[in-house]
Amino acid sequence: MSTYAVIITHSTSHAIRAEKILLAAGLSAKMIPVPRHISSDCGTAVRIPAKQAEESKRLMDEIGAPYDRVELL
């Protein structure tokens, strides 16, 4: 099982917002460069523990925070 997952967003500002939302909710989150095996584009993603993926998606959906997808690493 994967240890981490990443939240992929369409912009750096969306990633910053996602990180702030998760941290404010008491969840773990850290901005990282988008892993090369996910996208060759430059950009940022938010790394979260894999066990927190569903809770993070639920929270982002409830708040209406924009994100593209969540992928396990």
PDB file of N, CA and C in Angstrom:
ATOM      1  N   MET A   1       0.843  -1.182   0.000  1.00  0.00           N
ATOM      2  CA  MET A   1       0.000   0.000   0.000  1.00  0.00           C
ATOM      3  C   MET A   1       0.884   1.239   0.000  1.00  0.00           C
ATOM      4  N   SER A   2       0.426   2.265  -0.682  1.00  0.00           N
ATOM      5  CA  SER A   2       1.171   3.513  -0.779  1.00  0.00           C
ATOM      6  C   SER A   2       1.210   4.229   0.567  1.00  0.00           C
ATOM      7  N   THR A   3       2.327   4.890   0.791  1.00  0.00           N
ATOM      8  CA  THR A   3       2.480   5.675   2.008  1.00  0.00           C
ATOM      9  C   THR A   3       1.890   7.061   1.845  1.00  0.00           C
ATOM     10  N   TYR A   4       2.062   7.605   0.616  1.00  0.00           N
ATOM     11  CA  TYR A   4       1.610   8.970   0.365  1.00  0.00           C
ATOM     12  C   TYR A   4       0.699   9.029  -0.853  1.00  0.00           C
ATOM     13  N   ALA A   5      -0.042  10.115  -0.926  1.00  0.00           N
ATOM     14  CA  ALA A   5      -0.838  10.470  -2.092  1.00  0.00           C
ATOM     15  C   ALA A   5      -0.550  11.934  -2.389  1.00  0.00           C
ATOM     16  N   VAL A   6      -0.877  12.357  -3.593  1.00  0.00           N
ATOM     17  CA  VAL A   6      -0.720  13.771  -3.927  1.00  0.00           C
ATOM     18  C   VAL A   6      -2.037  14.312  -4.466  1.00  0.00           C
ATOM     19  N   ILE A   7      -2.303  15.536  -4.110  1.00  0.00           N
ATOM     20  CA  ILE A   7      -3.439  16.266  -4.657  1.00  0.00           C
ATOM     21  C   ILE A   7      -2.894  17.107  -5.808  1.00  0.00           C
ATOM     22  N   ILE A   8      -3.379  16.836  -7.008  1.00  0.00           N
ATOM     23  CA  ILE A   8      -2.951  17.570  -8.194  1.00  0.00           C
ATOM     24  C   ILE A   8      -3.950  18.700  -8.431  1.00  0.00           C
ATOM     25  N   THR A   9      -3.416  19.905  -8.631  1.00  0.00           N
ATOM     26  CA  THR A   9      -4.269  21.066  -8.880  1.00  0.00           C
ATOM     27  C   THR A   9      -3.892  21.679 -10.223  1.00  0.00           C
ATOM     28  N   HIS A  10      -4.693  22.626 -10.678  1.00  0.00           N
ATOM     29  CA  HIS A  10      -4.430  23.269 -11.962  1.00  0.00           C
ATOM     30  C   HIS A  10      -3.489  24.456 -11.838  1.00  0.00           C
ATOM     31  N   SER A  11      -3.228  24.920 -10.629  1.00  0.00           N
ATOM     32  CA  SER A  11      -2.331  26.065 -10.470  1.00  0.00           C
ATOM     33  C   SER A  11      -1.668  26.008  -9.096  1.00  0.00           C
ATOM     34  N   THR A  12      -0.589  26.748  -8.995  1.00  0.00           N
ATOM     35  CA  THR A  12       0.120  26.821  -7.714  1.00  0.00           C
ATOM     36  C   THR A  12      -0.760  27.465  -6.645  1.00  0.00           C
ATOM     37  N   SER A  13      -1.540  28.464  -7.036  1.00  0.00           N
ATOM     38  CA  SER A  13      -2.401  29.120  -6.039  1.00  0.00           C
ATOM     39  C   SER A  13      -3.451  28.139  -5.501  1.00  0.00           C
ATOM     40  N   HIS A  14      -3.931  27.242  -6.343  1.00  0.00           N
ATOM     41  CA  HIS A  14      -4.884  26.228  -5.864  1.00  0.00           C
ATOM     42  C   HIS A  14      -4.195  25.249  -4.910  1.00  0.00           C
ATOM     43  N   ALA A  15      -2.930  24.921  -5.199  1.00  0.00           N
ATOM     44  CA  ALA A  15      -2.183  24.028  -4.308  1.00  0.00           C
ATOM     45  C   ALA A  15      -1.951  24.691  -2.950  1.00  0.00           C
ATOM     46  N   ILE A  16      -1.612  25.971  -2.971  1.00  0.00           N
ATOM     47  CA  ILE A  16      -1.413  26.704  -1.716  1.00  0.00           C
ATOM     48  C   ILE A  16      -2.707  26.706  -0.909  1.00  0.00           C
ATOM     49  N   ARG A  17      -3.820  26.948  -1.598  1.00  0.00           N
ATOM     50  CA  ARG A  17      -5.123  26.961  -0.912  1.00  0.00           C
ATOM     51  C   ARG A  17      -5.442  25.587  -0.329  1.00  0.00           C
ATOM     52  N   ALA A  18      -5.178  24.539  -1.097  1.00  0.00           N
ATOM     53  CA  ALA A  18      -5.441  23.178  -0.621  1.00  0.00           C
ATOM     54  C   ALA A  18      -4.621  22.870   0.632  1.00  0.00           C
ATOM     55  N   GLU A  19      -3.353  23.251   0.597  1.00  0.00           N
ATOM     56  CA  GLU A  19      -2.495  23.005   1.761  1.00  0.00           C
ATOM     57  C   GLU A  19      -3.037  23.740   2.986  1.00  0.00           C
ATOM     58  N   LYS A  20      -3.419  24.993   2.810  1.00  0.00           N
ATOM     59  CA  LYS A  20      -3.943  25.779   3.937  1.00  0.00           C
ATOM     60  C   LYS A  20      -5.230  25.161   4.498  1.00  0.00           C
ATOM     61  N   ILE A  21      -6.114  24.713   3.627  1.00  0.00           N
ATOM     62  CA  ILE A  21      -7.384  24.104   4.062  1.00  0.00           C
ATOM     63  C   ILE A  21      -7.109  22.846   4.885  1.00  0.00           C
ATOM     64  N   LEU A  22      -6.212  22.006   4.395  1.00  0.00           N
ATOM     65  CA  LEU A  22      -5.930  20.745   5.087  1.00  0.00           C
ATOM     66  C   LEU A  22      -5.239  20.989   6.414  1.00  0.00           C
ATOM     67  N   LEU A  23      -4.282  21.908   6.433  1.00  0.00           N
ATOM     68  CA  LEU A  23      -3.583  22.207   7.689  1.00  0.00           C
ATOM     69  C   LEU A  23      -4.540  22.813   8.713  1.00  0.00           C
ATOM     70  N   ALA A  24      -5.435  23.692   8.256  1.00  0.00           N
ATOM     71  CA  ALA A  24      -6.411  24.310   9.160  1.00  0.00           C
ATOM     72  C   ALA A  24      -7.352  23.268   9.758  1.00  0.00           C
ATOM     73  N   ALA A  25      -7.582  22.185   9.018  1.00  0.00           N
ATOM     74  CA  ALA A  25      -8.454  21.107   9.506  1.00  0.00           C
ATOM     75  C   ALA A  25      -7.696  20.117  10.384  1.00  0.00           C
ATOM     76  N   GLY A  26      -6.415  20.383  10.593  1.00  0.00           N
ATOM     77  CA  GLY A  26      -5.624  19.502  11.450  1.00  0.00           C
ATOM     78  C   GLY A  26      -5.070  18.283  10.728  1.00  0.00           C
ATOM     79  N   LEU A  27      -5.087  18.309   9.394  1.00  0.00           N
ATOM     80  CA  LEU A  27      -4.569  17.195   8.602  1.00  0.00           C
ATOM     81  C   LEU A  27      -3.139  17.499   8.160  1.00  0.00           C
ATOM     82  N   SER A  28      -2.409  16.479   7.783  1.00  0.00           N
ATOM     83  CA  SER A  28      -1.049  16.652   7.287  1.00  0.00           C
ATOM     84  C   SER A  28      -1.093  17.049   5.817  1.00  0.00           C
ATOM     85  N   ALA A  29      -0.228  17.975   5.436  1.00  0.00           N
ATOM     86  CA  ALA A  29      -0.129  18.395   4.039  1.00  0.00           C
ATOM     87  C   ALA A  29       1.189  19.117   3.836  1.00  0.00           C
ATOM     88  N   LYS A  30       1.804  18.874   2.676  1.00  0.00           N
ATOM     89  CA  LYS A  30       3.055  19.548   2.358  1.00  0.00           C
ATOM     90  C   LYS A  30       3.130  19.760   0.856  1.00  0.00           C
ATOM     91  N   MET A  31       3.432  21.003   0.447  1.00  0.00           N
ATOM     92  CA  MET A  31       3.588  21.274  -0.978  1.00  0.00           C
ATOM     93  C   MET A  31       4.881  20.664  -1.469  1.00  0.00           C
ATOM     94  N   ILE A  32       4.807  20.019  -2.643  1.00  0.00           N
ATOM     95  CA  ILE A  32       5.976  19.415  -3.267  1.00  0.00           C
ATOM     96  C   ILE A  32       5.886  19.647  -4.784  1.00  0.00           C
ATOM     97  N   PRO A  33       7.003  19.503  -5.498  1.00  0.00           N
ATOM     98  CA  PRO A  33       6.900  19.530  -6.959  1.00  0.00           C
ATOM     99  C   PRO A  33       6.084  18.325  -7.436  1.00  0.00           C
ATOM    100  N   VAL A  34       5.357  18.488  -8.526  1.00  0.00           N
ATOM    101  CA  VAL A  34       4.589  17.358  -9.072  1.00  0.00           C
ATOM    102  C   VAL A  34       5.567  16.250  -9.462  1.00  0.00           C
ATOM    103  N   PRO A  35       5.384  15.041  -8.954  1.00  0.00           N
ATOM    104  CA  PRO A  35       6.284  13.943  -9.315  1.00  0.00           C
ATOM    105  C   PRO A  35       6.301  13.710 -10.826  1.00  0.00           C
ATOM    106  N   ARG A  36       7.479  13.454 -11.377  1.00  0.00           N
ATOM    107  CA  ARG A  36       7.660  13.309 -12.831  1.00  0.00           C
ATOM    108  C   ARG A  36       6.837  12.164 -13.413  1.00  0.00           C
ATOM    109  N   HIS A  37       6.611  11.111 -12.671  1.00  0.00           N
ATOM    110  CA  HIS A  37       5.833  10.010 -13.227  1.00  0.00           C
ATOM    111  C   HIS A  37       4.344  10.343 -13.331  1.00  0.00           C
ATOM    112  N   ILE A  38       3.923  11.438 -12.717  1.00  0.00           N
ATOM    113  CA  ILE A  38       2.524  11.869 -12.814  1.00  0.00           C
ATOM    114  C   ILE A  38       2.360  12.890 -13.934  1.00  0.00           C
ATOM    115  N   SER A  39       3.303  13.835 -14.029  1.00  0.00           N
ATOM    116  CA  SER A  39       3.234  14.849 -15.074  1.00  0.00           C
ATOM    117  C   SER A  39       4.627  15.381 -15.346  1.00  0.00           C
ATOM    118  N   SER A  40       4.929  15.639 -16.606  1.00  0.00           N
ATOM    119  CA  SER A  40       6.227  16.220 -16.947  1.00  0.00           C
ATOM    120  C   SER A  40       6.184  17.738 -16.856  1.00  0.00           C
ATOM    121  N   ASP A  41       5.014  18.288 -16.643  1.00  0.00           N
ATOM    122  CA  ASP A  41       4.885  19.734 -16.504  1.00  0.00           C
ATOM    123  C   ASP A  41       5.447  20.182 -15.156  1.00  0.00           C
ATOM    124  N   CYS A  42       5.968  21.392 -15.151  1.00  0.00           N
ATOM    125  CA  CYS A  42       6.385  21.961 -13.873  1.00  0.00           C
ATOM    126  C   CYS A  42       5.121  22.292 -13.091  1.00  0.00           C
ATOM    127  N   GLY A  43       5.216  22.246 -11.829  1.00  0.00           N
ATOM    128  CA  GLY A  43       4.068  22.592 -11.032  1.00  0.00           C
ATOM    129  C   GLY A  43       4.210  22.082  -9.623  1.00  0.00           C
ATOM    130  N   THR A  44       3.223  22.374  -8.823  1.00  0.00           N
ATOM    131  CA  THR A  44       3.250  21.950  -7.442  1.00  0.00           C
ATOM    132  C   THR A  44       2.040  21.069  -7.155  1.00  0.00           C
ATOM    133  N   ALA A  45       2.216  20.233  -6.175  1.00  0.00           N
ATOM    134  CA  ALA A  45       1.154  19.363  -5.712  1.00  0.00           C
ATOM    135  C   ALA A  45       1.197  19.394  -4.188  1.00  0.00           C
ATOM    136  N   VAL A  46       0.207  18.805  -3.584  1.00  0.00           N
ATOM    137  CA  VAL A  46       0.175  18.723  -2.121  1.00  0.00           C
ATOM    138  C   VAL A  46       0.271  17.254  -1.741  1.00  0.00           C
ATOM    139  N   ARG A  47       1.334  16.922  -1.019  1.00  0.00           N
ATOM    140  CA  ARG A  47       1.521  15.538  -0.572  1.00  0.00           C
ATOM    141  C   ARG A  47       0.796  15.338   0.748  1.00  0.00           C
ATOM    142  N   ILE A  48       0.056  14.250   0.809  1.00  0.00           N
ATOM    143  CA  ILE A  48      -0.683  13.908   2.028  1.00  0.00           C
ATOM    144  C   ILE A  48      -0.453  12.422   2.322  1.00  0.00           C
ATOM    145  N   PRO A  49      -0.660  12.002   3.549  1.00  0.00           N
ATOM    146  CA  PRO A  49      -0.596  10.564   3.824  1.00  0.00           C
ATOM    147  C   PRO A  49      -1.710   9.847   3.048  1.00  0.00           C
ATOM    148  N   ALA A  50      -1.393   8.673   2.506  1.00  0.00           N
ATOM    149  CA  ALA A  50      -2.379   7.937   1.699  1.00  0.00           C
ATOM    150  C   ALA A  50      -3.649   7.642   2.489  1.00  0.00           C
ATOM    151  N   LYS A  51      -3.496   7.363   3.770  1.00  0.00           N
ATOM    152  CA  LYS A  51      -4.672   7.043   4.584  1.00  0.00           C
ATOM    153  C   LYS A  51      -5.600   8.242   4.752  1.00  0.00           C
ATOM    154  N   GLN A  52      -5.109   9.427   4.417  1.00  0.00           N
ATOM    155  CA  GLN A  52      -5.870  10.654   4.557  1.00  0.00           C
ATOM    156  C   GLN A  52      -6.520  11.086   3.233  1.00  0.00           C
ATOM    157  N   ALA A  53      -6.352  10.319   2.174  1.00  0.00           N
ATOM    158  CA  ALA A  53      -6.799  10.728   0.834  1.00  0.00           C
ATOM    159  C   ALA A  53      -8.305  10.954   0.767  1.00  0.00           C
ATOM    160  N   GLU A  54      -9.076  10.007   1.234  1.00  0.00           N
ATOM    161  CA  GLU A  54     -10.538  10.144   1.143  1.00  0.00           C
ATOM    162  C   GLU A  54     -11.049  11.309   1.981  1.00  0.00           C
ATOM    163  N   GLU A  55     -10.514  11.461   3.183  1.00  0.00           N
ATOM    164  CA  GLU A  55     -10.928  12.567   4.045  1.00  0.00           C
ATOM    165  C   GLU A  55     -10.552  13.906   3.410  1.00  0.00           C
ATOM    166  N   SER A  56      -9.385  13.969   2.792  1.00  0.00           N
ATOM    167  CA  SER A  56      -8.946  15.211   2.143  1.00  0.00           C
ATOM    168  C   SER A  56      -9.849  15.554   0.971  1.00  0.00           C
ATOM    169  N   LYS A  57     -10.195  14.552   0.139  1.00  0.00           N
ATOM    170  CA  LYS A  57     -11.092  14.799  -0.995  1.00  0.00           C
ATOM    171  C   LYS A  57     -12.453  15.268  -0.503  1.00  0.00           C
ATOM    172  N   ARG A  58     -12.963  14.623   0.534  1.00  0.00           N
ATOM    173  CA  ARG A  58     -14.263  15.019   1.080  1.00  0.00           C
ATOM    174  C   ARG A  58     -14.232  16.471   1.551  1.00  0.00           C
ATOM    175  N   LEU A  59     -13.181  16.839   2.278  1.00  0.00           N
ATOM    176  CA  LEU A  59     -13.055  18.202   2.789  1.00  0.00           C
ATOM    177  C   LEU A  59     -12.946  19.203   1.641  1.00  0.00           C
ATOM    178  N   MET A  60     -12.131  18.892   0.642  1.00  0.00           N
ATOM    179  CA  MET A  60     -11.969  19.806  -0.495  1.00  0.00           C
ATOM    180  C   MET A  60     -13.289  19.966  -1.249  1.00  0.00           C
ATOM    181  N   ASP A  61     -14.040  18.880  -1.401  1.00  0.00           N
ATOM    182  CA  ASP A  61     -15.334  18.950  -2.077  1.00  0.00           C
ATOM    183  C   ASP A  61     -16.342  19.768  -1.267  1.00  0.00           C
ATOM    184  N   GLU A  62     -16.371  19.568   0.038  1.00  0.00           N
ATOM    185  CA  GLU A  62     -17.301  20.316   0.892  1.00  0.00           C
ATOM    186  C   GLU A  62     -17.058  21.810   0.812  1.00  0.00           C
ATOM    187  N   ILE A  63     -15.790  22.187   0.806  1.00  0.00           N
ATOM    188  CA  ILE A  63     -15.439  23.607   0.781  1.00  0.00           C
ATOM    189  C   ILE A  63     -15.538  24.174  -0.628  1.00  0.00           C
ATOM    190  N   GLY A  64     -15.462  23.315  -1.622  1.00  0.00           N
ATOM    191  CA  GLY A  64     -15.498  23.775  -3.009  1.00  0.00           C
ATOM    192  C   GLY A  64     -14.135  24.212  -3.508  1.00  0.00           C
ATOM    193  N   ALA A  65     -13.088  23.703  -2.876  1.00  0.00           N
ATOM    194  CA  ALA A  65     -11.729  24.033  -3.299  1.00  0.00           C
ATOM    195  C   ALA A  65     -11.408  23.277  -4.586  1.00  0.00           C
ATOM    196  N   PRO A  66     -10.895  23.983  -5.594  1.00  0.00           N
ATOM    197  CA  PRO A  66     -10.634  23.317  -6.867  1.00  0.00           C
ATOM    198  C   PRO A  66      -9.395  22.425  -6.824  1.00  0.00           C
ATOM    199  N   TYR A  67      -9.517  21.218  -7.370  1.00  0.00           N
ATOM    200  CA  TYR A  67      -8.379  20.319  -7.559  1.00  0.00           C
ATOM    201  C   TYR A  67      -8.698  19.409  -8.732  1.00  0.00           C
ATOM    202  N   ASP A  68      -7.665  18.841  -9.320  1.00  0.00           N
ATOM    203  CA  ASP A  68      -7.860  17.978 -10.477  1.00  0.00           C
ATOM    204  C   ASP A  68      -8.132  16.550 -10.047  1.00  0.00           C
ATOM    205  N   ARG A  69      -7.220  16.007  -9.247  1.00  0.00           N
ATOM    206  CA  ARG A  69      -7.366  14.609  -8.806  1.00  0.00           C
ATOM    207  C   ARG A  69      -6.428  14.325  -7.654  1.00  0.00           C
ATOM    208  N   VAL A  70      -6.652  13.180  -7.041  1.00  0.00           N
ATOM    209  CA  VAL A  70      -5.771  12.693  -5.982  1.00  0.00           C
ATOM    210  C   VAL A  70      -5.214  11.361  -6.466  1.00  0.00           C
ATOM    211  N   GLU A  71      -3.883  11.248  -6.433  1.00  0.00           N
ATOM    212  CA  GLU A  71      -3.231  10.011  -6.892  1.00  0.00           C
ATOM    213  C   GLU A  71      -2.345   9.450  -5.795  1.00  0.00           C
ATOM    214  N   LEU A  72      -2.368   8.140  -5.665  1.00  0.00           N
ATOM    215  CA  LEU A  72      -1.470   7.478  -4.733  1.00  0.00           C
ATOM    216  C   LEU A  72      -0.072   7.447  -5.329  1.00  0.00           C
ATOM    217  N   LEU A  73       0.920   7.611  -4.491  1.00  0.00           N
ATOM    218  CA  LEU A  73       2.314   7.544  -4.960  1.00  0.00           C
ATOM    219  C   LEU A  73       2.835   6.142  -4.852  1.00  0.00           C
TER     220      LEU A  73
END
